[in-house]
């Protein structure tokens, strides 16, 4: 009788643990993970392609990493004047991501590219998951104005990342 109760207790415990593990992985946000840069396209403001070149070996190392604690990191590789590949991101302060049904995915924090600081919350206008959550497309419009506030030119940057 003791063995039967022990066996039943073990089975119930196993079932409970199995269900809780399935629930926690099923509720994980699809953006969590490592994302590898696949392509960069630059359009004019009328969405006509200006530039769409294959990535260099150095650029293929670019990554966006979203963690389950809503932390965010970025690796942005560039080539120096000697052709050496280096990660231009010196640091990220308070790198975070969030999701809302109204605004979609957003990132925030301050990234340091050596002497240049950039506000991550202004980096992308759109972050969209597609292709069964295996493709992340980020979009940013850049506008350049003269001293009088007149639009001189602009461009749209589109980067596509695949989940690793």
Protein backbone atom coordinates (compact mmCIF):
# COMPACT_ATOMS: atom_id res chain seq x y z
CA UNK A 1 0.00 0.00 0.00
CA UNK A 2 2.86 2.41 0.83
CA UNK A 3 4.47 1.68 -2.53
CA UNK A 4 1.20 2.40 -4.34
CA UNK A 5 0.78 5.76 -2.51
CA UNK A 6 4.40 6.62 -3.24
CA UNK A 7 3.96 5.74 -6.92
CA UNK A 8 0.74 7.80 -7.15
CA UNK A 9 2.46 10.75 -5.40
CA UNK A 10 5.39 10.51 -7.79
CA UNK A 11 3.09 10.44 -10.84
CA UNK A 12 1.08 13.44 -9.62
CA UNK A 13 4.28 15.40 -8.96
CA UNK A 14 5.63 14.47 -12.40
CA UNK A 15 2.40 15.59 -14.10
CA UNK A 16 2.38 18.92 -12.23
CA UNK A 17 6.00 19.63 -13.10
CA UNK A 18 5.45 18.67 -16.73
CA UNK A 19 2.47 21.00 -17.05
CA UNK A 20 4.23 23.94 -15.42
CA UNK A 21 7.28 23.57 -17.69
CA UNK A 22 5.07 23.44 -20.79
CA UNK A 23 3.13 26.51 -19.67
CA UNK A 24 6.23 28.60 -18.97
CA UNK A 25 7.89 27.87 -22.31
CA UNK A 26 4.62 28.38 -24.21
CA UNK A 27 4.18 31.86 -22.73
CA UNK A 28 7.69 33.08 -23.55
CA UNK A 29 7.71 36.19 -25.71
CA UNK A 30 8.83 35.30 -29.25
CA UNK A 31 11.36 38.16 -29.38
CA UNK A 32 13.47 36.57 -26.62
CA UNK A 33 16.73 35.20 -28.02
CA UNK A 34 19.63 36.07 -30.30
CA UNK A 35 18.93 37.75 -33.63
CA UNK A 36 21.48 37.81 -36.47
CA UNK A 37 21.55 40.60 -39.05
CA UNK A 38 20.60 39.24 -42.49
CA UNK A 39 20.11 42.34 -44.65
CA UNK A 40 20.19 46.13 -44.71
CA UNK A 41 18.15 48.15 -47.20
CA UNK A 42 18.11 51.93 -47.57
CA UNK A 43 15.11 53.55 -49.28
CA UNK A 44 14.36 57.17 -50.10
CA UNK A 45 11.31 58.73 -48.43
CA UNK A 46 9.17 57.54 -51.36
CA UNK A 47 10.29 53.98 -50.51
CA UNK A 48 12.38 53.61 -53.66
CA UNK A 49 15.57 51.57 -53.02
CA UNK A 50 18.77 53.60 -52.75
CA UNK A 51 21.08 50.87 -51.51
CA UNK A 52 20.83 47.14 -50.97
CA UNK A 53 24.27 45.54 -50.87
CA UNK A 54 25.24 42.14 -49.49
CA UNK A 55 26.57 42.21 -45.94
CA UNK A 56 30.32 42.06 -45.40
CA UNK A 57 31.75 39.26 -43.25
CA UNK A 58 32.18 41.84 -40.52
CA UNK A 59 28.54 43.05 -40.70
CA UNK A 60 27.32 39.44 -40.55
CA UNK A 61 28.49 39.41 -36.91
CA UNK A 62 25.89 42.06 -35.90
CA UNK A 63 23.42 40.81 -33.27
CA UNK A 64 20.44 42.00 -31.23
CA UNK A 65 19.87 40.01 -28.04
CA UNK A 66 16.60 40.14 -26.09
CA UNK A 67 16.62 38.39 -22.70
CA UNK A 68 13.71 37.04 -20.69
CA UNK A 69 14.26 39.67 -17.95
CA UNK A 70 13.55 42.33 -20.64
CA UNK A 71 17.23 43.23 -20.99
CA UNK A 72 18.58 44.22 -24.40
CA UNK A 73 22.08 44.17 -25.84
CA UNK A 74 23.45 45.03 -29.25
CA UNK A 75 26.62 44.12 -31.14
CA UNK A 76 27.35 46.40 -34.10
CA UNK A 77 30.46 45.40 -36.04
CA UNK A 78 32.31 47.76 -38.37
CA UNK A 79 35.64 47.75 -40.18
CA UNK A 80 38.35 50.23 -39.22
CA UNK A 81 40.63 51.95 -41.76
CA UNK A 82 42.94 48.90 -41.71
CA UNK A 83 40.06 46.54 -42.57
CA UNK A 84 39.95 45.06 -39.04
CA UNK A 85 36.50 44.12 -37.75
CA UNK A 86 35.52 45.51 -34.32
CA UNK A 87 32.39 45.84 -32.20
CA UNK A 88 31.64 49.58 -32.21
CA UNK A 89 29.27 49.31 -29.22
CA UNK A 90 31.31 50.28 -26.17
CA UNK A 91 28.46 49.90 -23.68
CA UNK A 92 24.69 50.00 -23.22
CA UNK A 93 23.20 51.62 -20.12
CA UNK A 94 19.77 50.44 -19.01
CA UNK A 95 19.20 48.46 -22.22
CA UNK A 96 15.61 47.20 -22.03
CA UNK A 97 12.84 46.03 -24.30
CA UNK A 98 9.07 46.08 -23.85
CA UNK A 99 5.95 45.15 -25.75
CA UNK A 100 2.50 46.72 -25.78
CA UNK A 101 -0.43 45.97 -28.04
CA UNK A 102 -0.59 49.68 -28.93
CA UNK A 103 3.08 50.49 -29.61
CA UNK A 104 4.45 47.03 -30.42
CA UNK A 105 8.06 46.27 -29.49
CA UNK A 106 10.18 49.11 -28.15
CA UNK A 107 13.78 49.28 -26.95
CA UNK A 108 15.27 51.83 -24.60
CA UNK A 109 18.59 52.75 -23.04
CA UNK A 110 21.71 54.68 -23.96
CA UNK A 111 24.32 53.07 -26.23
CA UNK A 112 27.90 54.32 -26.39
CA UNK A 113 29.76 54.11 -29.70
CA UNK A 114 33.11 55.33 -28.36
CA UNK A 115 32.64 59.08 -27.92
CA UNK A 116 29.14 59.11 -29.47
CA UNK A 117 26.05 58.39 -27.33
CA UNK A 118 22.74 57.36 -28.90
CA UNK A 119 19.31 57.03 -27.31
CA UNK A 120 18.01 53.55 -28.18
CA UNK A 121 14.39 54.62 -27.75
CA UNK A 122 14.78 56.79 -30.86
CA UNK A 123 16.65 54.19 -32.91
CA UNK A 124 13.72 52.39 -34.56
CA UNK A 125 10.26 53.54 -35.60
CA UNK A 126 8.97 49.98 -36.06
CA UNK A 127 9.98 46.52 -34.89
CA UNK A 128 7.91 43.75 -36.49
CA UNK A 129 8.06 39.98 -36.04
CA UNK A 130 6.99 37.87 -39.03
CA UNK A 131 7.58 34.54 -40.77
CA UNK A 132 6.33 32.52 -37.78
CA UNK A 133 8.36 34.75 -35.40
CA UNK A 134 11.67 33.88 -37.08
CA UNK A 135 12.19 37.24 -38.84
CA UNK A 136 12.57 40.59 -37.06
CA UNK A 137 12.31 43.68 -39.27
CA UNK A 138 13.30 47.05 -37.85
CA UNK A 139 12.62 50.34 -39.62
CA UNK A 140 13.88 53.87 -39.02
CA UNK A 141 13.13 57.04 -40.95
CA UNK A 142 15.88 59.67 -40.98
CA UNK A 143 15.09 63.28 -41.88
CA UNK A 144 17.67 65.98 -42.54
CA UNK A 145 16.64 69.64 -42.24
CA UNK A 146 18.36 72.92 -43.07
CA UNK A 147 18.78 75.74 -40.52
CA UNK A 148 15.32 77.12 -41.41
CA UNK A 149 13.69 73.77 -40.64
CA UNK A 150 13.05 72.79 -44.27
CA UNK A 151 13.43 69.13 -45.16
CA UNK A 152 16.57 68.68 -47.28
CA UNK A 153 16.53 64.93 -47.69
CA UNK A 154 15.76 61.75 -45.85
CA UNK A 155 16.02 58.01 -45.97
CA UNK A 156 14.47 54.87 -44.55
CA UNK A 157 16.71 52.22 -43.02
CA UNK A 158 15.35 48.66 -42.94
CA UNK A 159 17.29 45.90 -41.19
CA UNK A 160 16.18 42.28 -41.16
CA UNK A 161 17.33 39.84 -38.48
CA UNK A 162 16.81 36.08 -38.27
CA UNK A 163 16.46 34.22 -35.00
CA UNK A 164 19.39 32.00 -34.12
